[in-house]
Every structure is written in structure tokens, then in C-alpha cells.
Amino acid sequence: MLKHELLEIIINGESSEIEFKRDDLKPEQLAKEIVAFANSYGGKLFVGIEDDGTISGIQRADFEPWVMDSVCGRYVHPSLVPKYEEIQVEEGLRVAVISIPMGSSKPYVVHHNDREDFYIRVGSLSKLATREQIVRMSASGGMLHVETMPVPRTSMKSMDKARLENYFRDILSEPSLPQTEEEWEERLEDMGFLASSSNQKKACTIAGLVLFGINPRRYLKQAGLRIMVFDSSDKQYKALLDIVLDGPMVARVEVTNHRVSGIIDDGLVEKAASALYPFITEESSTIDKGFRRPLKWLYPWNAIRELLLNALAHRDWTRSTDIEISRYKDRLEVISPGALPNSMTVEKMIGGRRTPRNTIIMEVLRDYQYVDARGMGIRTKVIPIMKEFNGMEPVFEETDDYLKTILNFNGPKDEPKRPKYEPNEPKNTPNEPKKNSHEPKNEPNTDLNDIVLNLIKDNPKCSYADMIRVTGKSRITIKRLLDTLKERGVIERVGPRNGGKWVIL
């Protein structure tokens, strides 16, 4: 740093990233400032400057080793090595600049008098962190897995046993299930779905409750999914839709020959699809050869689904707010509570970096094939799908409190049109699409056609299980639809039975 840069900083004064100190401070006082910066967003500590900006300089000849060894080595934990430099202001007048990066092993503490103190930066002051802030720092630094914490007032009875049996028997293919309550508790504790609470009784962990719980919001208010729809560019008092969905993340499914063949009971993803469907689709203004109005997607469901799954898998459970999906007149937003974990940034996320916050939840979602093993949905799915759909990439906004993803409306490439919705329009679900009363009985359902054809277009190698999971239909229904589309010359199957692909003609 040059002298004129130092003088400019002094003129601007202290801030959340700048602190002035005299050189006669005690080691625990200097450690406090270093820890506060490391627990926040980093900053620079200028030693040898009074609070009013007067340059008094440092007098110690061995100031650097004192900072590195006596202060950082003995008082700061975990170990932290800041950058140190000195600026010669004039003859015999030096200022020390200690640059502290944002810590990657939060939370950092000051060891002093047989106690540990946690500090954070609040404006231009360093203050003791609250209990909630300490939990968040521990979670962001990987020292605490919040999803494994027990939820008060819960027990094994708070989880859907039929869904648990479905998971162990049909998804994991376990040869036998626990028979007694004690065996169930032991098995669920091994999986991280139960944990000992303060009274030594078994309680649901956050992961167990949100994955398999019966009405999880009864015990954990932030376990819901809020969906809002506005016919404007911002939130208004009157919404077309404003609901909070409650229920377990995963669906209860039918499995045939080790493949998902149908959905018995919806999970949060399926419930979200049903609620959003009327507001992200509309009938075309033109009539096709079968005297029907083809379904037109205003936003690609596959992109929305991936963003929702990303939020469910990676949200910060220390934040007491729901995941939000909001559809406005000109955009759709998905908000995941909490900042990105550890040293993750939006740029790294787009680049494909994987840093799971909730590993248990993530693994269960993979078991159900909601997410793939690569864990790079933003890079490999959301961005390509949106570019293909309307040529517009999603916009990501990161704050301390949330990650917001914005899908701007531009309509499909071939037919741009602003969506218009009526508040009283009947709500139809993906599993029960709108029917045309004059539609010939022997014709396949147009809405279901579009869903399957869009899925094939996005992934030519998609399987029956993929189609069943997205549409919620049975294997028989999907097979009948595909056979009809092949007979009509709409699609064909190319390659071997295992490893082939679908081609849209």
C-alpha cells in the first residue's frame, strides 16, 4: 500500500472493513479485531492511527513477530495467518497494516482467561456474536451440520412410517425392515433421521423431519414452501395465489422391477408442480390439426424444478423463513434462505463447484433420483434449459440472508408473448391437465404430450422412470402415450433397449 492510499483511507474513516488502533493495545484486544474480521467478510486493521485519524505510528521494533506469534499464534483459534506490511509515513513514523481475509474455518474465537469469545463485525464496531450468529458461523464453516440437530417436541411418531418403509424396502432394497420400535429407532438414528434430545429421548433430526415428517411445519416453521403469484411486477396486497405447502420432501412411490413406476402420495416437489402449473402454462391462441389448442409453457418446468430441488437440498436451516417461489408478470423468482455455504460464490456455483450444506438430505434426494450424482444442476440443467427456452440466462442475487434466482420472462423462442392471467381461472395440475370436452377419446392428452416431449427434448436418453417422476403418471399410461406418439410418427426410439435414445421427428 502506498502512502497516498493510506491518507485517503484515513480521510474516509473507519467502516465495516477498516479499523484504526493505537499500538499500545493488549494482545487480546488486537485478537478481538482480527477474529471479528475473520468471522465477517475480512478487512484491514491499521495500527498506529488514533480514532480521530491522527497518525501516531508504532513504536515497537518487533511489532510484526508480536502480531504473528504472540497474538495470532496464542489468542486466535483456529490458526489464522494475516498479511502484514508497514508503511513509512515520514522519518521515524510507521503504520502497520494487518489484512485479514474472510475466514474459511469459521467460527474463529479469542482464547483468553480460560474462555472463548466469538466476535463479529457490525458496522465499524467489533461485537460479541449472538447464539444464533454462532450457529450460522459454525454451519457455514462446516463445523456444525444443522440438519442433524434434534427438533423439539418430535419423536419417531412424527414421521410417516409408510413413507419410511417405502424408502428402506423399495428405494434402498433392504431385505428386511425393523420389527420393533427399538429396532426402528436404532435404524433411523444410524441414518441421521433421529437423534438424542436434551431429555435423552429420541427426536427427529431436521433432516428426518423435513424428508419424512407428517406436517413438518407443526414443529419446524421454516419447513414449508411458499408459492406466490402476482399479475404485476412486484408484490401486491391482492395475489392470484399465496399458499404455504406443508409435507415431506419425498413422494411415496410405486416401484416395479427396481424402477419407479408411479407416485402414491406426493412430496413437496409434486405439490409445487400442481400449484404452479396453471401459472406457468397457457393454451395456444391457434388450433392444431386435431382441433385442439396446444399447451404453451411460459417457463420451463424442468428449470424451476431444478431450482426448487437445489433450494431444498442446500437451504440454511438456521434461517426461520420458508423457501419462496414467486411468479410475477415479467419474471419468476426462487429464493433459498441463507447465504452460500463456506467459500462458495455465485461464480463457483455456475462453474460447477459442489459444496453440499445438508449432506443427509442431499443423499436421500439422490436415492429417489430427484437429483443426479453429479450435483451440478445449475450449470448442466438450469442455464442450458433457459438459454434453449428463450435465450435468457438466469440471474443470481446473493446476500447474507438468501440466494435468489430470477428467470426473466421472454416467452418461448418461437412465440414470445406476455402472460395474462385471470384470478378466477380454474387451477389445473400437471397430474390432471385441462381437458377439451370435444377431444377425441382415442387421441393422447395434449398437455401430457407436451410434458413428455419437452422432457425428451431436454434429455433424449430419459427413461420411463424419469417420465413417471415428472408427470406423476403410471408406467402403463406413459407406455401407451409413447406407443401412440410412435405410431403417429412424432417420435422414434434409436439404438439398443438399454442405452438408446428418443428422437423427435
Protein backbone atom coordinates (compact mmCIF):
# COMPACT_ATOMS: atom_id res chain seq x y z
CA MET A 1 0.00 0.00 0.00
CA LEU A 2 1.28 3.46 -0.90
CA LYS A 3 1.34 6.49 1.36
CA HIS A 4 -1.33 8.40 -0.58
CA GLU A 5 -3.64 5.38 -0.42
CA LEU A 6 -3.22 5.29 3.36
CA LEU A 7 -4.03 9.00 3.67
CA GLU A 8 -7.18 8.56 1.56
CA ILE A 9 -8.36 5.70 3.80
CA ILE A 10 -7.75 7.83 6.91
CA ILE A 11 -9.87 10.64 5.41
CA ASN A 12 -12.77 8.22 4.76
CA GLY A 13 -12.61 6.88 8.32
CA GLU A 14 -13.47 3.55 9.90
CA SER A 15 -16.03 1.19 8.38
CA SER A 16 -17.09 -2.46 8.45
CA GLU A 17 -13.79 -3.32 6.75
CA ILE A 18 -11.47 -0.66 8.21
CA GLU A 19 -10.35 -0.28 11.83
CA PHE A 20 -7.81 2.16 13.40
CA LYS A 21 -5.86 1.26 16.57
CA ARG A 22 -3.03 2.67 18.71
CA ASP A 23 -0.01 0.43 19.10
CA ASP A 24 -0.33 0.20 22.91
CA LEU A 25 -3.28 -2.22 22.75
CA LYS A 26 -3.22 -5.52 24.61
CA PRO A 27 -2.86 -8.80 22.67
CA GLU A 28 -6.44 -9.90 23.45
CA GLN A 29 -7.73 -6.55 22.12
CA LEU A 30 -5.89 -6.99 18.83
CA ALA A 31 -7.07 -10.63 18.66
CA LYS A 32 -10.65 -9.43 19.09
CA GLU A 33 -10.42 -7.24 15.98
CA ILE A 34 -8.71 -9.96 13.93
CA VAL A 35 -11.35 -12.55 14.90
CA ALA A 36 -14.22 -10.15 14.16
CA PHE A 37 -12.91 -9.51 10.64
CA ALA A 38 -12.30 -13.23 10.01
CA ASN A 39 -15.82 -14.12 11.16
CA SER A 40 -17.30 -11.46 8.87
CA TYR A 41 -16.03 -10.50 5.42
CA GLY A 42 -12.43 -9.70 6.21
CA GLY A 43 -10.88 -6.26 6.47
CA LYS A 44 -7.80 -4.20 7.24
CA LEU A 45 -6.52 -3.22 10.66
CA PHE A 46 -4.34 -0.10 10.75
CA VAL A 47 -2.19 0.05 13.88
CA GLY A 48 -0.56 3.37 14.71
CA ILE A 49 -3.60 5.55 13.94
CA GLU A 50 -5.81 7.23 16.55
CA ASP A 51 -9.62 7.03 16.40
CA ASP A 52 -9.74 10.62 15.10
CA GLY A 53 -7.35 9.76 12.24
CA THR A 54 -4.19 11.20 13.78
CA ILE A 55 -1.11 9.16 12.81
CA SER A 56 0.76 8.28 16.00
CA GLY A 57 2.78 5.41 14.49
CA ILE A 58 4.03 2.16 16.00
CA GLN A 59 6.88 2.22 18.49
CA ARG A 60 7.72 -1.47 18.91
CA ALA A 61 10.68 -2.65 16.88
CA ASP A 62 9.40 -6.23 16.90
CA PHE A 63 5.77 -5.43 16.12
CA GLU A 64 5.38 -7.96 13.27
CA PRO A 65 6.55 -11.06 15.22
CA TRP A 66 4.44 -9.89 18.17
CA VAL A 67 1.34 -9.82 15.92
CA MET A 68 2.06 -13.14 14.23
CA ASP A 69 3.35 -15.17 17.19
CA SER A 70 2.00 -13.66 20.38
CA VAL A 71 -1.41 -12.56 19.11
CA CYS A 72 -2.39 -14.82 16.19
CA GLY A 73 -0.47 -17.82 17.47
CA ARG A 74 -1.74 -17.79 21.06
CA TYR A 75 -5.03 -15.91 21.15
CA VAL A 76 -6.71 -16.64 17.80
CA HIS A 77 -8.22 -20.07 17.15
CA PRO A 78 -8.32 -21.78 14.67
CA SER A 79 -4.94 -20.72 13.39
CA LEU A 80 -5.00 -17.68 11.12
CA VAL A 81 -2.10 -16.01 9.32
CA PRO A 82 -2.94 -12.49 8.12
CA LYS A 83 -0.93 -10.42 5.68
CA TYR A 84 1.36 -7.87 7.35
CA GLU A 85 3.01 -4.77 5.89
CA GLU A 86 4.35 -1.46 7.14
CA ILE A 87 4.03 1.99 5.57
CA GLN A 88 6.67 4.65 6.17
CA VAL A 89 4.66 7.87 6.51
CA GLU A 90 7.72 10.00 7.28
CA GLU A 91 11.04 9.61 9.04
CA GLY A 92 10.51 7.60 12.24
CA LEU A 93 6.73 7.31 11.69
CA ARG A 94 5.42 3.89 10.63
CA VAL A 95 1.92 2.44 10.34
CA ALA A 96 1.27 -1.32 10.39
CA VAL A 97 -1.39 -2.72 8.03
CA ILE A 98 -2.80 -6.12 9.01
CA SER A 99 -5.01 -7.56 6.25
CA ILE A 100 -7.39 -10.28 7.47
CA PRO A 101 -9.23 -12.41 4.87
CA MET A 102 -12.73 -13.75 5.39
CA GLY A 103 -12.12 -16.96 7.31
CA SER A 104 -12.71 -20.36 5.74
CA SER A 105 -12.83 -22.18 9.12
CA LYS A 106 -15.47 -20.16 10.95
CA PRO A 107 -16.17 -19.52 13.72
CA TYR A 108 -12.92 -18.00 14.99
CA VAL A 109 -12.57 -17.29 18.70
CA VAL A 110 -10.36 -15.35 21.09
CA HIS A 111 -8.75 -17.62 23.73
CA HIS A 112 -8.29 -15.58 26.90
CA ASN A 113 -8.62 -16.26 30.63
CA ASP A 114 -9.80 -19.85 30.08
CA ARG A 115 -12.73 -18.78 27.93
CA GLU A 116 -13.57 -18.46 24.25
CA ASP A 117 -15.24 -15.34 22.87
CA PHE A 118 -16.83 -15.11 19.42
CA TYR A 119 -16.73 -11.70 17.73
CA ILE A 120 -18.22 -10.36 14.50
CA ARG A 121 -18.05 -7.05 12.71
CA VAL A 122 -21.16 -4.87 12.99
CA GLY A 123 -20.64 -1.65 11.07
CA SER A 124 -17.44 -0.06 12.37
CA LEU A 125 -17.56 -1.98 15.66
CA SER A 126 -16.48 -5.46 16.75
CA LYS A 127 -19.12 -7.09 18.97
CA LEU A 128 -19.75 -10.40 20.69
CA ALA A 129 -21.75 -12.72 18.44
CA THR A 130 -25.20 -13.91 19.48
CA ARG A 131 -26.02 -17.58 19.90
CA GLU A 132 -27.84 -17.62 16.55
CA GLN A 133 -24.89 -15.97 14.78
CA ILE A 134 -22.50 -18.52 16.28
CA VAL A 135 -24.67 -21.39 14.99
CA ARG A 136 -24.70 -19.86 11.50
CA MET A 137 -20.95 -19.39 11.50
CA SER A 138 -20.44 -22.97 12.66
CA ALA A 139 -22.71 -24.23 9.90
CA SER A 140 -21.07 -22.12 7.20
CA GLY A 141 -17.62 -23.27 8.31
CA GLY A 142 -18.60 -26.94 8.23
CA MET A 143 -18.14 -27.44 11.99
CA LEU A 144 -21.85 -27.96 12.63
CA HIS A 145 -24.30 -29.86 10.46
CA VAL A 146 -27.57 -28.20 11.36
CA GLU A 147 -29.62 -30.89 9.61
CA THR A 148 -28.55 -33.39 12.32
CA MET A 149 -29.88 -31.26 15.19
CA PRO A 150 -32.93 -32.70 17.04
CA VAL A 151 -36.26 -30.90 16.66
CA PRO A 152 -38.02 -30.30 20.00
CA ARG A 153 -41.40 -32.00 20.65
CA THR A 154 -40.86 -34.62 17.96
CA SER A 155 -40.41 -38.37 18.07
CA MET A 156 -40.40 -41.26 15.64
CA LYS A 157 -44.22 -40.94 15.55
CA SER A 158 -43.77 -37.53 13.90
CA MET A 159 -42.59 -39.30 10.74
CA ASP A 160 -44.69 -41.09 8.14
CA LYS A 161 -43.96 -44.78 8.76
CA ALA A 162 -45.41 -45.84 5.39
CA ARG A 163 -43.03 -43.45 3.66
CA LEU A 164 -40.10 -44.74 5.72
CA GLU A 165 -40.96 -48.33 4.83
CA ASN A 166 -41.25 -47.30 1.18
CA TYR A 167 -37.76 -45.78 1.38
CA PHE A 168 -35.99 -48.69 3.06
CA ARG A 169 -37.82 -51.51 1.28
CA ASP A 170 -38.38 -50.13 -2.23
CA ILE A 171 -35.75 -47.43 -2.73
CA LEU A 172 -32.82 -48.94 -0.78
CA SER A 173 -33.96 -52.54 -1.45
CA GLU A 174 -33.20 -53.66 2.10
CA PRO A 175 -34.06 -57.36 2.60
CA SER A 176 -35.88 -56.84 5.91
CA LEU A 177 -37.35 -53.97 7.88
CA PRO A 178 -37.05 -53.30 11.63
CA GLN A 179 -39.79 -55.06 13.58
CA THR A 180 -39.88 -53.33 16.96
CA GLU A 181 -39.93 -49.68 17.93
CA GLU A 182 -36.44 -50.03 19.41
CA GLU A 183 -35.12 -51.50 16.15
CA TRP A 184 -36.72 -48.68 14.17
CA GLU A 185 -35.19 -46.05 16.45
CA GLU A 186 -31.75 -47.62 16.12
CA ARG A 187 -32.01 -47.81 12.33
CA LEU A 188 -33.28 -44.24 11.99
CA GLU A 189 -30.57 -42.93 14.30
CA ASP A 190 -27.95 -44.71 12.18
CA MET A 191 -29.32 -42.90 9.11
CA GLY A 192 -29.30 -39.50 10.83
CA PHE A 193 -33.09 -39.25 10.93
CA LEU A 194 -33.30 -39.46 14.75
CA ALA A 195 -31.03 -38.06 17.46
CA SER A 196 -30.96 -37.83 21.24
CA SER A 197 -32.58 -34.63 22.52
CA SER A 198 -31.81 -32.71 25.72
CA ASN A 199 -34.06 -35.03 27.75
CA GLN A 200 -32.24 -38.10 26.32
CA LYS A 201 -35.30 -39.15 24.33
CA LYS A 202 -35.11 -39.76 20.59
CA ALA A 203 -36.29 -36.82 18.49
CA CYS A 204 -36.45 -36.29 14.75
CA THR A 205 -33.47 -34.52 13.30
CA ILE A 206 -34.20 -31.65 10.94
CA ALA A 207 -33.26 -33.95 8.04
CA GLY A 208 -35.55 -36.76 9.20
CA LEU A 209 -38.48 -34.41 9.81
CA VAL A 210 -38.34 -32.49 6.52
CA LEU A 211 -37.75 -35.65 4.45
CA PHE A 212 -40.36 -37.95 6.02
CA GLY A 213 -42.30 -35.90 8.57
CA ILE A 214 -46.08 -35.70 8.95
CA ASN A 215 -46.81 -31.96 8.68
CA PRO A 216 -43.20 -30.84 9.40
CA ARG A 217 -44.26 -27.18 9.80
CA ARG A 218 -46.05 -28.09 13.00
CA TYR A 219 -42.65 -28.48 14.65
CA LEU A 220 -40.34 -26.54 12.29
CA LYS A 221 -41.93 -23.40 10.90
CA GLN A 222 -39.37 -22.92 8.12
CA ALA A 223 -40.03 -26.40 6.68
CA GLY A 224 -42.69 -25.12 4.27
CA LEU A 225 -42.65 -23.95 0.69
CA ARG A 226 -44.38 -20.65 -0.05
CA ILE A 227 -45.73 -20.04 -3.56
CA MET A 228 -46.99 -16.61 -4.62
CA VAL A 229 -48.34 -15.41 -7.96
CA PHE A 230 -48.88 -11.74 -8.87
CA ASP A 231 -50.23 -10.22 -12.07
CA SER A 232 -47.79 -7.32 -11.66
CA SER A 233 -44.06 -6.64 -11.49
CA ASP A 234 -43.93 -6.50 -7.69
CA LYS A 235 -45.74 -7.83 -4.64
CA GLN A 236 -49.25 -6.54 -4.20
CA TYR A 237 -51.86 -6.95 -1.49
CA LYS A 238 -54.05 -8.98 -3.85
CA ALA A 239 -52.28 -12.07 -5.09
CA LEU A 240 -53.55 -14.57 -7.63
CA LEU A 241 -52.10 -17.26 -5.39
CA ASP A 242 -50.45 -17.19 -1.96
CA ILE A 243 -50.09 -20.57 -0.27
CA VAL A 244 -47.63 -22.34 2.00
CA LEU A 245 -47.20 -26.02 1.18
CA ASP A 246 -46.50 -28.41 4.02
CA GLY A 247 -45.41 -32.02 3.85
CA PRO A 248 -42.39 -34.29 3.45
CA MET A 249 -39.92 -33.57 0.67
CA VAL A 250 -40.03 -37.02 -0.90
CA ALA A 251 -43.00 -38.74 -2.51
CA ARG A 252 -44.26 -42.21 -1.66
CA VAL A 253 -43.75 -44.19 -4.83
CA GLU A 254 -44.55 -47.45 -6.54
CA VAL A 255 -41.51 -49.46 -7.59
CA THR A 256 -41.64 -52.20 -10.24
CA ASN A 257 -38.51 -54.15 -11.21
CA HIS A 258 -36.36 -51.71 -9.23
CA ARG A 259 -37.78 -48.73 -11.14
CA VAL A 260 -40.21 -46.04 -10.03
CA SER A 261 -43.48 -46.84 -11.79
CA GLY A 262 -45.85 -44.34 -10.18
CA ILE A 263 -46.50 -41.91 -7.34
CA ILE A 264 -48.80 -42.95 -4.49
CA ASP A 265 -48.52 -39.80 -2.38
CA ASP A 266 -46.97 -36.50 -3.48
CA GLY A 267 -43.94 -34.88 -1.91
CA LEU A 268 -43.19 -31.14 -1.88
CA VAL A 269 -41.84 -31.14 -5.45
CA GLU A 270 -45.01 -32.73 -6.81
CA LYS A 271 -47.23 -30.42 -4.75
CA ALA A 272 -45.31 -27.42 -6.09
CA ALA A 273 -45.80 -28.65 -9.66
CA SER A 274 -49.55 -28.92 -9.13
CA ALA A 275 -49.80 -25.44 -7.60
CA LEU A 276 -47.63 -23.70 -10.21
CA TYR A 277 -48.89 -25.45 -13.31
CA PRO A 278 -51.80 -23.07 -14.14
CA PHE A 279 -49.50 -20.06 -13.83
CA ILE A 280 -46.55 -21.22 -15.97
CA THR A 281 -48.61 -22.57 -18.87
CA GLU A 282 -51.38 -21.32 -21.13
CA GLU A 283 -53.27 -22.63 -24.12
CA SER A 284 -52.05 -21.50 -27.53
CA SER A 285 -54.10 -18.95 -29.49
CA THR A 286 -54.00 -21.28 -32.51
CA ILE A 287 -55.76 -24.60 -33.16
CA ASP A 288 -53.83 -27.63 -34.41
CA LYS A 289 -54.93 -30.27 -36.93
CA GLY A 290 -56.80 -32.15 -34.20
CA PHE A 291 -58.89 -29.02 -33.44
CA ARG A 292 -57.11 -28.55 -30.14
CA ARG A 293 -55.22 -25.67 -28.61
CA PRO A 294 -51.67 -26.91 -27.86
CA LEU A 295 -50.28 -26.19 -24.44
CA LYS A 296 -47.66 -23.47 -24.28
CA TRP A 297 -45.11 -23.26 -21.45
CA LEU A 298 -44.30 -19.73 -20.24
CA TYR A 299 -41.41 -21.02 -18.13
CA PRO A 300 -39.69 -24.41 -18.44
CA TRP A 301 -40.81 -26.61 -15.55
CA ASN A 302 -37.55 -28.59 -15.63
CA ALA A 303 -35.57 -25.42 -14.78
CA ILE A 304 -37.97 -24.46 -11.97
CA ARG A 305 -37.88 -28.00 -10.62
CA GLU A 306 -34.08 -27.99 -10.55
CA LEU A 307 -34.01 -24.66 -8.70
CA LEU A 308 -36.54 -25.93 -6.16
CA LEU A 309 -34.54 -29.11 -5.56
CA ASN A 310 -31.40 -27.02 -5.19
CA ALA A 311 -33.12 -24.90 -2.54
CA LEU A 312 -34.48 -27.96 -0.69
CA ALA A 313 -31.05 -29.62 -0.66
CA HIS A 314 -28.92 -26.61 0.23
CA ARG A 315 -31.03 -24.12 2.20
CA ASP A 316 -29.79 -22.84 5.58
CA TRP A 317 -31.98 -24.34 8.31
CA THR A 318 -30.87 -21.74 10.86
CA ARG A 319 -32.98 -19.22 8.92
CA SER A 320 -36.59 -19.15 10.11
CA THR A 321 -38.12 -18.42 6.69
CA ASP A 322 -39.67 -20.65 4.04
CA ILE A 323 -38.31 -21.27 0.57
CA GLU A 324 -40.22 -18.96 -1.76
CA ILE A 325 -41.28 -19.30 -5.38
CA SER A 326 -42.84 -16.09 -6.72
CA ARG A 327 -44.21 -15.64 -10.22
CA TYR A 328 -44.61 -12.05 -11.35
CA LYS A 329 -45.84 -10.62 -14.64
CA ASP A 330 -42.31 -10.37 -16.02
CA ARG A 331 -40.28 -12.97 -14.11
CA LEU A 332 -40.21 -15.95 -11.79
CA GLU A 333 -38.07 -15.96 -8.63
CA VAL A 334 -36.87 -18.79 -6.40
CA ILE A 335 -35.45 -17.73 -3.03
CA SER A 336 -33.38 -20.14 -0.93
CA PRO A 337 -32.86 -18.93 2.68
CA GLY A 338 -29.28 -18.38 3.80
CA ALA A 339 -26.05 -17.30 2.17
CA LEU A 340 -24.00 -19.74 0.11
CA PRO A 341 -22.02 -22.13 2.35
CA ASN A 342 -18.31 -21.91 3.16
CA SER A 343 -16.32 -20.09 0.48
CA MET A 344 -18.87 -20.80 -2.27
CA THR A 345 -19.68 -17.91 -4.60
CA VAL A 346 -22.18 -17.47 -7.41
CA GLU A 347 -19.32 -17.72 -9.90
CA LYS A 348 -18.13 -21.02 -8.43
CA MET A 349 -21.69 -22.35 -8.37
CA ILE A 350 -22.16 -21.53 -12.05
CA GLY A 351 -18.78 -23.12 -12.74
CA GLY A 352 -19.97 -26.41 -11.27
CA ARG A 353 -18.34 -26.33 -7.80
CA ARG A 354 -20.13 -28.69 -5.37
CA THR A 355 -20.36 -27.79 -1.68
CA PRO A 356 -23.35 -29.54 -0.10
CA ARG A 357 -24.64 -27.94 3.09
CA ASN A 358 -27.09 -30.72 4.03
CA THR A 359 -25.43 -33.99 3.10
CA ILE A 360 -28.13 -36.32 4.51
CA ILE A 361 -30.94 -34.55 2.67
CA MET A 362 -28.86 -34.48 -0.49
CA GLU A 363 -28.16 -38.23 -0.35
CA VAL A 364 -31.82 -39.13 0.16
CA LEU A 365 -32.87 -36.93 -2.78
CA ARG A 366 -30.27 -38.78 -4.86
CA ASP A 367 -31.64 -42.13 -3.69
CA TYR A 368 -35.05 -41.12 -5.07
CA GLN A 369 -33.33 -39.80 -8.24
CA TYR A 370 -34.71 -36.31 -7.69
CA VAL A 371 -31.14 -35.11 -8.24
CA ASP A 372 -28.28 -36.79 -10.08
CA ALA A 373 -24.97 -37.85 -8.63
CA ARG A 374 -23.03 -35.02 -10.24
CA GLY A 375 -24.80 -32.30 -8.27
CA MET A 376 -24.24 -29.63 -10.92
CA GLY A 377 -27.84 -28.80 -11.80
CA ILE A 378 -27.30 -25.06 -12.18
CA ARG A 379 -24.50 -25.47 -14.72
CA THR A 380 -25.76 -28.51 -16.61
CA LYS A 381 -29.54 -28.02 -16.46
CA VAL A 382 -30.91 -24.62 -15.42
CA ILE A 383 -28.67 -22.39 -17.52
CA PRO A 384 -28.80 -24.54 -20.72
CA ILE A 385 -32.58 -25.06 -20.40
CA MET A 386 -33.25 -21.32 -20.08
CA LYS A 387 -30.91 -20.44 -22.96
CA GLU A 388 -32.63 -23.01 -25.14
CA PHE A 389 -36.11 -21.94 -23.99
CA ASN A 390 -35.94 -18.18 -24.52
CA GLY A 391 -32.28 -17.22 -24.95
CA MET A 392 -32.07 -15.63 -21.48
CA GLU A 393 -29.77 -16.89 -18.74
CA PRO A 394 -30.99 -16.89 -15.12
CA VAL A 395 -29.89 -14.05 -12.85
CA PHE A 396 -28.44 -14.88 -9.42
CA GLU A 397 -28.51 -12.46 -6.46
CA GLU A 398 -26.63 -13.39 -3.29
CA THR A 399 -26.97 -11.66 0.09
CA ASP A 400 -26.24 -12.60 3.71
CA ASP A 401 -29.85 -13.80 4.04
CA TYR A 402 -30.69 -15.61 0.82
CA LEU A 403 -29.80 -16.73 -2.69
CA LYS A 404 -32.32 -15.51 -5.26
CA THR A 405 -32.55 -16.93 -8.77
CA ILE A 406 -34.52 -14.93 -11.33
CA LEU A 407 -35.93 -16.41 -14.54
CA ASN A 408 -36.91 -13.46 -16.72
CA PHE A 409 -39.93 -13.82 -18.95
CA ASN A 410 -39.43 -13.62 -22.69
CA GLY A 411 -41.74 -16.42 -23.76
CA PRO A 412 -40.57 -19.40 -25.79
CA LYS A 413 -38.26 -18.52 -28.68
CA ASP A 414 -40.86 -19.36 -31.30
CA GLU A 415 -43.80 -17.43 -29.85
CA PRO A 416 -42.96 -14.58 -27.43
CA LYS A 417 -45.99 -13.31 -25.59
CA ARG A 418 -46.69 -11.62 -22.28
CA PRO A 419 -48.66 -13.85 -19.93
CA LYS A 420 -52.08 -12.71 -18.83
CA TYR A 421 -53.90 -14.46 -16.04
CA GLU A 422 -57.38 -14.12 -14.59
CA PRO A 423 -57.77 -14.58 -10.81
CA ASN A 424 -60.77 -16.87 -11.27
CA GLU A 425 -59.14 -19.14 -13.85
CA PRO A 426 -59.58 -22.77 -12.69
CA LYS A 427 -56.47 -24.34 -11.26
CA ASN A 428 -55.36 -27.48 -13.13
CA THR A 429 -52.50 -29.70 -12.05
CA PRO A 430 -49.80 -31.48 -14.07
CA ASN A 431 -51.33 -34.76 -12.98
CA GLU A 432 -54.83 -33.64 -14.02
CA PRO A 433 -54.28 -31.35 -17.03
CA LYS A 434 -57.05 -29.32 -18.60
CA LYS A 435 -59.25 -31.43 -20.87
CA ASN A 436 -61.02 -30.37 -24.05
CA SER A 437 -64.54 -31.79 -23.92
CA HIS A 438 -64.51 -32.22 -27.72
CA GLU A 439 -61.19 -34.03 -27.76
CA PRO A 440 -61.47 -37.45 -29.45
CA LYS A 441 -61.20 -40.23 -26.88
CA ASN A 442 -58.61 -42.12 -28.91
CA GLU A 443 -56.20 -39.17 -29.01
CA PRO A 444 -53.45 -38.83 -26.37
CA ASN A 445 -53.79 -35.96 -23.90
CA THR A 446 -52.20 -32.84 -25.41
CA ASP A 447 -50.87 -31.45 -22.12
CA LEU A 448 -49.22 -34.75 -21.22
CA ASN A 449 -47.78 -34.92 -24.76
CA ASP A 450 -46.07 -31.58 -24.28
CA ILE A 451 -44.63 -32.51 -20.89
CA VAL A 452 -43.14 -35.76 -22.23
CA LEU A 453 -41.91 -34.19 -25.50
CA ASN A 454 -40.23 -31.35 -23.57
CA LEU A 455 -38.58 -33.91 -21.32
CA ILE A 456 -37.31 -35.86 -24.37
CA LYS A 457 -36.08 -32.63 -25.94
CA ASP A 458 -34.11 -31.75 -22.80
CA ASN A 459 -32.80 -35.30 -22.32
CA PRO A 460 -33.10 -37.71 -25.28
CA LYS A 461 -31.88 -40.55 -23.05
CA CYS A 462 -34.59 -40.03 -20.43
CA SER A 463 -36.03 -43.24 -19.03
CA TYR A 464 -39.54 -44.38 -18.16
CA ALA A 465 -38.70 -43.60 -14.52
CA ASP A 466 -37.81 -40.00 -15.46
CA MET A 467 -41.14 -39.56 -17.28
CA ILE A 468 -43.09 -41.13 -14.44
CA ARG A 469 -41.38 -38.95 -11.85
CA VAL A 470 -42.01 -35.71 -13.78
CA THR A 471 -45.60 -36.42 -14.86
CA GLY A 472 -46.80 -38.41 -11.87
CA LYS A 473 -48.43 -40.93 -14.26
CA SER A 474 -48.18 -44.71 -14.12
CA ARG A 475 -45.84 -46.78 -16.29
CA ILE A 476 -48.83 -48.11 -18.27
CA THR A 477 -50.02 -44.57 -19.09
CA ILE A 478 -46.54 -43.48 -20.19
CA LYS A 479 -46.09 -46.58 -22.35
CA ARG A 480 -49.48 -46.05 -24.01
CA LEU A 481 -48.59 -42.43 -24.74
CA LEU A 482 -45.18 -43.28 -26.21
CA ASP A 483 -46.67 -46.05 -28.37
CA THR A 484 -49.26 -43.59 -29.74
CA LEU A 485 -46.61 -40.94 -30.46
CA LYS A 486 -44.50 -43.53 -32.29
CA GLU A 487 -47.49 -44.67 -34.34
CA ARG A 488 -48.24 -41.07 -35.34
CA GLY A 489 -44.62 -40.54 -36.41
CA VAL A 490 -43.89 -37.92 -33.75
CA ILE A 491 -41.00 -39.78 -32.08
CA GLU A 492 -38.94 -42.90 -32.58
CA ARG A 493 -36.57 -44.95 -30.47
CA VAL A 494 -33.00 -45.24 -31.76
CA GLY A 495 -30.37 -47.66 -30.52
CA PRO A 496 -30.49 -50.65 -28.15
CA ARG A 497 -33.15 -51.06 -25.49
CA ASN A 498 -30.62 -50.20 -22.80
CA GLY A 499 -28.53 -47.23 -23.82
CA GLY A 500 -30.65 -45.97 -26.71
CA LYS A 501 -32.33 -42.60 -27.04
CA TRP A 502 -35.53 -40.89 -28.19
CA VAL A 503 -35.62 -38.78 -31.35
CA ILE A 504 -38.30 -36.19 -32.12
CA LEU A 505 -39.12 -36.37 -35.84
